[in-house]
Protein backbone atom coordinates (compact mmCIF):
# COMPACT_ATOMS: atom_id res chain seq x y z
CA MET A 1 -0.14 -0.41 0.43
CA LYS A 2 1.90 3.49 -0.74
CA PHE A 3 0.42 6.66 0.59
CA THR A 4 1.49 9.80 -1.05
CA PHE A 5 1.14 13.24 1.90
CA VAL A 6 1.78 16.74 0.02
CA THR A 7 1.86 18.91 3.08
CA LEU A 8 4.19 21.52 4.34
CA PHE A 9 4.76 20.42 7.15
CA PRO A 10 6.78 16.67 6.00
CA HIS A 11 8.37 16.26 10.13
CA ILE A 12 5.38 16.04 11.36
CA ILE A 13 3.93 13.71 9.37
CA GLU A 14 7.08 12.06 9.27
CA GLY A 15 7.05 11.56 13.26
CA TYR A 16 3.72 10.09 13.04
CA PHE A 17 4.43 7.83 11.45
CA SER A 18 7.72 6.73 12.99
CA ASP A 19 5.84 6.61 16.61
CA SER A 20 2.56 4.55 15.90
CA ILE A 21 1.96 1.06 15.02
CA LEU A 22 2.05 1.66 10.67
CA SER A 23 6.33 1.75 11.72
CA ARG A 24 6.55 -1.94 12.20
CA ALA A 25 3.94 -2.07 8.75
CA ILE A 26 6.80 -0.12 6.55
CA GLU A 27 9.08 -1.58 8.56
CA SER A 28 8.13 -4.86 6.82
CA LYS A 29 7.17 -3.06 3.63
CA LEU A 30 3.98 -3.75 3.87
CA MET A 31 3.03 -0.28 3.66
CA TYR A 32 4.70 2.57 1.77
CA VAL A 33 4.24 6.61 2.13
CA ASP A 34 6.40 9.20 0.88
CA PHE A 35 6.22 13.03 1.50
CA TYR A 36 6.31 15.73 -0.91
CA ASN A 37 7.01 19.32 0.28
CA PRO A 38 5.87 22.33 -2.10
CA ARG A 39 8.08 24.51 -0.63
CA ASP A 40 10.78 22.59 -2.46
CA TYR A 41 8.96 23.39 -5.71
């Protein structure tokens, strides 16, 4: 499962995924999370 987030504050969402049960799904490659910051463009 792949999730893509477009946000001005990617570090907030990254923190949520790294500290929750979803981090286990990401580590076992069941879930993929990608972040885009519009300020980079």
